[in-house]
Amino acid sequence: MKQEPIDFIKFADILAALGTEPRLRIVYHLLRAHPEGMVAGEIQAELGMQPSAVSHHLEKLKHEDLVHVQREGSYLRYTANPEVLQDLLTFLFSQCCARTGLVQPESVFKVCHIEPVMARPHRREKT
């Protein structure tokens, strides 16, 4: 059976989209609200962000297909796209767990019981 080539650019783009704290927090909250999702105002209230910042981050996530959006009257409802997240996890775990055994699968699933820490204040760089 011929194996499909790995789309490294796709996964790099997905990781880049998830690579900022606000976007990672948005995905976290959308996953917790799955399958109903959240309207933009709920995300804004949950994260304490300005509407324009939430909109900017949601657009980046939408561009990488990490979130879906559906209009409900005058509201936009966002949901996490589990298929893209599953593809990303499969890509990562297939090498470290299944193929090489570098990480034991049981240790990966322990992570599921960890609650996120509160946001850390940004460090100022020394000049």
N, C-alpha and C. Protein backbone atom coordinates (compact mmCIF):
# COMPACT_ATOMS: atom_id res chain seq x y z
N MET A 1 0.84 -1.17 0.00
CA MET A 1 0.00 0.00 0.00
C MET A 1 0.90 1.24 0.00
N LYS A 2 0.64 2.14 -0.94
CA LYS A 2 1.43 3.35 -1.06
C LYS A 2 0.98 4.38 -0.03
N GLN A 3 1.95 4.95 0.66
CA GLN A 3 1.65 5.94 1.69
C GLN A 3 1.55 7.32 1.06
N GLU A 4 0.56 8.11 1.52
CA GLU A 4 0.41 9.48 1.02
C GLU A 4 1.57 10.32 1.52
N PRO A 5 2.06 11.25 0.71
CA PRO A 5 3.14 12.12 1.19
C PRO A 5 2.63 13.03 2.30
N ILE A 6 3.50 13.34 3.22
CA ILE A 6 3.14 14.21 4.34
C ILE A 6 3.17 15.66 3.87
N ASP A 7 2.12 16.38 4.17
CA ASP A 7 2.02 17.79 3.80
C ASP A 7 2.60 18.63 4.94
N PHE A 8 3.92 18.75 4.97
CA PHE A 8 4.59 19.46 6.04
C PHE A 8 4.19 20.94 6.09
N ILE A 9 3.95 21.53 4.94
CA ILE A 9 3.56 22.94 4.91
C ILE A 9 2.21 23.13 5.59
N LYS A 10 1.28 22.24 5.32
CA LYS A 10 -0.04 22.32 5.96
C LYS A 10 0.08 22.25 7.48
N PHE A 11 0.86 21.29 7.98
CA PHE A 11 0.98 21.14 9.42
C PHE A 11 1.76 22.29 10.04
N ALA A 12 2.73 22.82 9.33
CA ALA A 12 3.48 23.99 9.83
C ALA A 12 2.54 25.19 9.93
N ASP A 13 1.68 25.36 8.95
CA ASP A 13 0.73 26.47 8.97
C ASP A 13 -0.28 26.32 10.12
N ILE A 14 -0.73 25.10 10.36
CA ILE A 14 -1.66 24.85 11.46
C ILE A 14 -0.98 25.14 12.79
N LEU A 15 0.25 24.65 12.95
CA LEU A 15 0.98 24.90 14.19
C LEU A 15 1.25 26.40 14.38
N ALA A 16 1.54 27.09 13.29
CA ALA A 16 1.77 28.54 13.38
C ALA A 16 0.50 29.25 13.83
N ALA A 17 -0.64 28.82 13.31
CA ALA A 17 -1.92 29.43 13.70
C ALA A 17 -2.21 29.18 15.18
N LEU A 18 -1.81 28.03 15.67
CA LEU A 18 -2.03 27.71 17.08
C LEU A 18 -0.94 28.27 17.98
N GLY A 19 0.09 28.83 17.38
CA GLY A 19 1.29 29.22 18.10
C GLY A 19 1.25 30.52 18.86
N THR A 20 0.09 31.11 19.02
CA THR A 20 -0.02 32.30 19.86
C THR A 20 -0.98 31.98 21.00
N GLU A 21 -0.72 32.57 22.15
CA GLU A 21 -1.55 32.28 23.32
C GLU A 21 -3.03 32.59 23.09
N PRO A 22 -3.40 33.74 22.52
CA PRO A 22 -4.83 34.00 22.33
C PRO A 22 -5.51 32.97 21.43
N ARG A 23 -4.86 32.58 20.35
CA ARG A 23 -5.49 31.61 19.45
C ARG A 23 -5.57 30.23 20.09
N LEU A 24 -4.55 29.87 20.84
CA LEU A 24 -4.59 28.58 21.54
C LEU A 24 -5.71 28.58 22.58
N ARG A 25 -5.89 29.70 23.25
CA ARG A 25 -6.98 29.79 24.23
C ARG A 25 -8.35 29.75 23.53
N ILE A 26 -8.47 30.38 22.39
CA ILE A 26 -9.73 30.34 21.65
C ILE A 26 -10.06 28.89 21.27
N VAL A 27 -9.10 28.17 20.73
CA VAL A 27 -9.35 26.77 20.35
C VAL A 27 -9.69 25.94 21.58
N TYR A 28 -8.98 26.19 22.67
CA TYR A 28 -9.27 25.48 23.92
C TYR A 28 -10.73 25.67 24.33
N HIS A 29 -11.21 26.91 24.33
CA HIS A 29 -12.59 27.19 24.74
C HIS A 29 -13.59 26.63 23.74
N LEU A 30 -13.26 26.68 22.45
CA LEU A 30 -14.17 26.11 21.46
C LEU A 30 -14.25 24.59 21.60
N LEU A 31 -13.15 23.95 21.93
CA LEU A 31 -13.19 22.50 22.16
C LEU A 31 -14.03 22.17 23.39
N ARG A 32 -13.91 22.98 24.42
CA ARG A 32 -14.72 22.75 25.63
C ARG A 32 -16.20 22.97 25.35
N ALA A 33 -16.51 23.84 24.40
CA ALA A 33 -17.91 24.14 24.07
C ALA A 33 -18.44 23.25 22.95
N HIS A 34 -17.64 22.30 22.51
CA HIS A 34 -18.04 21.44 21.39
C HIS A 34 -19.20 20.55 21.80
N PRO A 35 -20.20 20.33 20.99
CA PRO A 35 -20.32 20.70 19.59
C PRO A 35 -21.06 22.02 19.35
N GLU A 36 -21.59 22.64 20.43
CA GLU A 36 -22.37 23.86 20.24
C GLU A 36 -21.52 25.03 19.76
N GLY A 37 -20.29 25.11 20.23
CA GLY A 37 -19.43 26.24 19.88
C GLY A 37 -19.80 27.47 20.68
N MET A 38 -19.30 28.61 20.24
CA MET A 38 -19.51 29.87 20.94
C MET A 38 -19.69 30.98 19.92
N VAL A 39 -20.47 31.99 20.30
CA VAL A 39 -20.55 33.18 19.45
C VAL A 39 -19.35 34.06 19.80
N ALA A 40 -19.01 34.95 18.88
CA ALA A 40 -17.81 35.78 19.05
C ALA A 40 -17.84 36.56 20.36
N GLY A 41 -19.00 37.07 20.75
CA GLY A 41 -19.10 37.82 21.99
C GLY A 41 -18.80 36.97 23.22
N GLU A 42 -19.17 35.71 23.19
CA GLU A 42 -18.85 34.81 24.30
C GLU A 42 -17.34 34.58 24.40
N ILE A 43 -16.71 34.43 23.25
CA ILE A 43 -15.26 34.25 23.23
C ILE A 43 -14.59 35.49 23.78
N GLN A 44 -15.06 36.64 23.33
CA GLN A 44 -14.51 37.92 23.79
C GLN A 44 -14.64 38.04 25.31
N ALA A 45 -15.81 37.73 25.84
CA ALA A 45 -16.03 37.83 27.28
C ALA A 45 -15.17 36.84 28.05
N GLU A 46 -15.06 35.64 27.53
CA GLU A 46 -14.26 34.60 28.19
C GLU A 46 -12.79 34.98 28.28
N LEU A 47 -12.27 35.58 27.23
CA LEU A 47 -10.85 35.91 27.17
C LEU A 47 -10.54 37.35 27.58
N GLY A 48 -11.56 38.19 27.72
CA GLY A 48 -11.33 39.58 28.09
C GLY A 48 -10.57 40.35 27.03
N MET A 49 -10.89 40.09 25.77
CA MET A 49 -10.20 40.73 24.66
C MET A 49 -11.12 41.70 23.95
N GLN A 50 -10.52 42.63 23.21
CA GLN A 50 -11.27 43.56 22.39
C GLN A 50 -11.89 42.81 21.21
N PRO A 51 -13.07 43.24 20.74
CA PRO A 51 -13.72 42.56 19.61
C PRO A 51 -12.82 42.47 18.37
N SER A 52 -12.07 43.52 18.09
CA SER A 52 -11.22 43.50 16.90
C SER A 52 -10.11 42.45 17.02
N ALA A 53 -9.58 42.27 18.23
CA ALA A 53 -8.54 41.27 18.44
C ALA A 53 -9.11 39.86 18.29
N VAL A 54 -10.29 39.64 18.86
CA VAL A 54 -10.94 38.33 18.73
C VAL A 54 -11.20 38.02 17.27
N SER A 55 -11.71 39.01 16.55
CA SER A 55 -12.00 38.83 15.13
C SER A 55 -10.74 38.49 14.35
N HIS A 56 -9.65 39.18 14.64
CA HIS A 56 -8.37 38.93 13.98
C HIS A 56 -7.91 37.48 14.21
N HIS A 57 -7.95 37.04 15.46
CA HIS A 57 -7.49 35.69 15.78
C HIS A 57 -8.42 34.62 15.19
N LEU A 58 -9.72 34.87 15.22
CA LEU A 58 -10.65 33.91 14.63
C LEU A 58 -10.43 33.79 13.13
N GLU A 59 -10.11 34.89 12.48
CA GLU A 59 -9.85 34.86 11.04
C GLU A 59 -8.64 34.00 10.72
N LYS A 60 -7.58 34.13 11.53
CA LYS A 60 -6.38 33.29 11.33
C LYS A 60 -6.71 31.82 11.51
N LEU A 61 -7.48 31.50 12.53
CA LEU A 61 -7.86 30.11 12.78
C LEU A 61 -8.76 29.58 11.67
N LYS A 62 -9.65 30.42 11.19
CA LYS A 62 -10.54 30.03 10.10
C LYS A 62 -9.75 29.77 8.82
N HIS A 63 -8.74 30.59 8.57
CA HIS A 63 -7.92 30.45 7.37
C HIS A 63 -7.23 29.08 7.32
N GLU A 64 -6.87 28.53 8.47
CA GLU A 64 -6.24 27.20 8.53
C GLU A 64 -7.27 26.10 8.76
N ASP A 65 -8.54 26.44 8.67
CA ASP A 65 -9.66 25.50 8.83
C ASP A 65 -9.73 24.88 10.22
N LEU A 66 -9.15 25.57 11.21
CA LEU A 66 -9.21 25.08 12.58
C LEU A 66 -10.56 25.37 13.22
N VAL A 67 -11.27 26.37 12.69
CA VAL A 67 -12.60 26.68 13.19
C VAL A 67 -13.55 26.83 12.00
N HIS A 68 -14.81 26.53 12.29
CA HIS A 68 -15.88 26.76 11.32
C HIS A 68 -16.74 27.90 11.87
N VAL A 69 -17.35 28.62 10.97
CA VAL A 69 -18.23 29.72 11.38
C VAL A 69 -19.58 29.55 10.70
N GLN A 70 -20.64 29.86 11.45
CA GLN A 70 -21.99 29.78 10.91
C GLN A 70 -22.77 30.99 11.41
N ARG A 71 -23.46 31.64 10.49
CA ARG A 71 -24.26 32.81 10.85
C ARG A 71 -25.56 32.33 11.49
N GLU A 72 -25.88 32.98 12.63
CA GLU A 72 -27.16 32.74 13.33
C GLU A 72 -27.80 34.10 13.56
N GLY A 73 -28.60 34.54 12.61
CA GLY A 73 -29.19 35.87 12.70
C GLY A 73 -28.10 36.92 12.60
N SER A 74 -27.94 37.73 13.64
CA SER A 74 -26.90 38.76 13.61
C SER A 74 -25.60 38.29 14.29
N TYR A 75 -25.57 37.02 14.72
CA TYR A 75 -24.40 36.48 15.41
C TYR A 75 -23.63 35.52 14.51
N LEU A 76 -22.34 35.40 14.81
CA LEU A 76 -21.51 34.39 14.17
C LEU A 76 -21.13 33.37 15.22
N ARG A 77 -21.45 32.10 14.97
CA ARG A 77 -21.13 31.02 15.90
C ARG A 77 -19.92 30.27 15.37
N TYR A 78 -18.93 30.12 16.24
CA TYR A 78 -17.69 29.44 15.88
C TYR A 78 -17.62 28.09 16.58
N THR A 79 -17.15 27.09 15.84
CA THR A 79 -16.92 25.76 16.39
C THR A 79 -15.54 25.29 15.98
N ALA A 80 -14.94 24.47 16.83
CA ALA A 80 -13.65 23.87 16.49
C ALA A 80 -13.87 22.82 15.41
N ASN A 81 -12.88 22.66 14.55
CA ASN A 81 -12.94 21.65 13.50
C ASN A 81 -12.14 20.44 13.98
N PRO A 82 -12.83 19.43 14.50
CA PRO A 82 -12.11 18.28 15.06
C PRO A 82 -11.32 17.49 14.02
N GLU A 83 -11.73 17.54 12.76
CA GLU A 83 -11.02 16.77 11.74
C GLU A 83 -9.59 17.29 11.54
N VAL A 84 -9.43 18.61 11.51
CA VAL A 84 -8.10 19.18 11.33
C VAL A 84 -7.23 18.90 12.55
N LEU A 85 -7.81 19.02 13.73
CA LEU A 85 -7.06 18.71 14.95
C LEU A 85 -6.68 17.24 14.99
N GLN A 86 -7.57 16.37 14.55
CA GLN A 86 -7.27 14.94 14.50
C GLN A 86 -6.13 14.67 13.52
N ASP A 87 -6.15 15.32 12.38
CA ASP A 87 -5.06 15.17 11.41
C ASP A 87 -3.72 15.60 12.01
N LEU A 88 -3.73 16.72 12.72
CA LEU A 88 -2.50 17.22 13.34
C LEU A 88 -1.99 16.25 14.40
N LEU A 89 -2.89 15.79 15.26
CA LEU A 89 -2.48 14.85 16.31
C LEU A 89 -1.99 13.53 15.72
N THR A 90 -2.66 13.07 14.69
CA THR A 90 -2.23 11.84 14.03
C THR A 90 -0.83 12.00 13.44
N PHE A 91 -0.59 13.14 12.79
CA PHE A 91 0.73 13.42 12.24
C PHE A 91 1.79 13.39 13.33
N LEU A 92 1.54 14.07 14.44
CA LEU A 92 2.52 14.12 15.52
C LEU A 92 2.70 12.78 16.20
N PHE A 93 1.61 12.13 16.56
CA PHE A 93 1.69 10.89 17.31
C PHE A 93 2.15 9.70 16.48
N SER A 94 1.90 9.74 15.19
CA SER A 94 2.30 8.59 14.36
C SER A 94 3.80 8.40 14.37
N GLN A 95 4.54 9.47 14.50
CA GLN A 95 6.00 9.35 14.51
C GLN A 95 6.53 9.06 15.92
N CYS A 96 6.05 9.80 16.92
CA CYS A 96 6.64 9.66 18.25
C CYS A 96 6.11 8.45 19.01
N CYS A 97 4.91 8.02 18.73
CA CYS A 97 4.32 6.93 19.51
C CYS A 97 4.25 5.62 18.72
N ALA A 98 3.58 5.67 17.60
CA ALA A 98 3.33 4.44 16.86
C ALA A 98 4.56 3.92 16.13
N ARG A 99 5.24 4.80 15.45
CA ARG A 99 6.35 4.35 14.60
C ARG A 99 7.63 4.05 15.37
N THR A 100 8.06 4.96 16.21
CA THR A 100 9.35 4.79 16.88
C THR A 100 9.23 4.32 18.32
N GLY A 101 8.07 4.54 18.94
CA GLY A 101 7.91 4.18 20.34
C GLY A 101 8.65 5.12 21.27
N LEU A 102 9.10 6.25 20.75
CA LEU A 102 9.83 7.23 21.54
C LEU A 102 9.03 7.68 22.75
N VAL A 103 7.74 7.89 22.56
CA VAL A 103 6.84 8.27 23.64
C VAL A 103 5.79 7.17 23.75
N GLN A 104 5.56 6.71 24.97
CA GLN A 104 4.55 5.67 25.18
C GLN A 104 3.15 6.29 25.08
N PRO A 105 2.26 5.66 24.32
CA PRO A 105 0.91 6.22 24.14
C PRO A 105 0.21 6.53 25.47
N GLU A 106 0.43 5.71 26.49
CA GLU A 106 -0.22 5.95 27.78
C GLU A 106 0.18 7.30 28.37
N SER A 107 1.42 7.70 28.16
CA SER A 107 1.87 8.98 28.72
C SER A 107 1.22 10.16 28.00
N VAL A 108 0.87 9.99 26.74
CA VAL A 108 0.18 11.05 26.00
C VAL A 108 -1.21 11.25 26.57
N PHE A 109 -1.89 10.19 26.89
CA PHE A 109 -3.26 10.32 27.37
C PHE A 109 -3.33 10.85 28.79
N LYS A 110 -2.26 10.79 29.56
CA LYS A 110 -2.23 11.41 30.88
C LYS A 110 -2.40 12.91 30.77
N VAL A 111 -1.92 13.48 29.69
CA VAL A 111 -1.99 14.92 29.48
C VAL A 111 -3.44 15.40 29.47
N CYS A 112 -4.34 14.57 29.08
CA CYS A 112 -5.75 14.96 28.97
C CYS A 112 -6.35 15.37 30.31
N HIS A 113 -5.71 15.04 31.40
CA HIS A 113 -6.25 15.36 32.72
C HIS A 113 -5.66 16.63 33.31
N ILE A 114 -4.85 17.34 32.57
CA ILE A 114 -4.20 18.55 33.06
C ILE A 114 -5.05 19.76 32.73
N GLU A 115 -5.29 20.61 33.71
CA GLU A 115 -6.00 21.87 33.49
C GLU A 115 -4.98 22.93 33.11
N PRO A 116 -5.34 23.87 32.25
CA PRO A 116 -4.39 24.92 31.85
C PRO A 116 -4.12 25.88 33.00
N VAL A 117 -2.92 26.41 33.01
CA VAL A 117 -2.58 27.43 34.01
C VAL A 117 -3.09 28.77 33.50
N MET A 118 -3.26 29.69 34.40
CA MET A 118 -3.70 31.02 34.01
C MET A 118 -2.60 31.69 33.19
N ALA A 119 -2.97 32.67 32.43
CA ALA A 119 -2.01 33.36 31.56
C ALA A 119 -0.90 33.96 32.41
N ARG A 120 0.31 33.76 31.96
CA ARG A 120 1.46 34.34 32.63
C ARG A 120 1.69 35.74 32.08
N PRO A 121 2.13 36.66 32.92
CA PRO A 121 2.43 38.00 32.40
C PRO A 121 3.58 37.91 31.40
N HIS A 122 3.51 38.75 30.40
CA HIS A 122 4.56 38.76 29.39
C HIS A 122 5.85 39.28 30.00
N ARG A 123 6.95 38.60 29.68
CA ARG A 123 8.26 39.04 30.15
C ARG A 123 8.76 40.15 29.27
N ARG A 124 9.35 41.12 29.91
CA ARG A 124 9.96 42.20 29.14
C ARG A 124 11.39 41.80 28.84
N GLU A 125 11.77 42.03 27.59
CA GLU A 125 13.14 41.73 27.21
C GLU A 125 14.07 42.79 27.75
N LYS A 126 15.26 42.34 28.18
CA LYS A 126 16.25 43.28 28.66
C LYS A 126 16.86 44.03 27.48
N THR A 127 17.02 45.31 27.65
CA THR A 127 17.61 46.10 26.55
C THR A 127 18.97 46.61 26.94
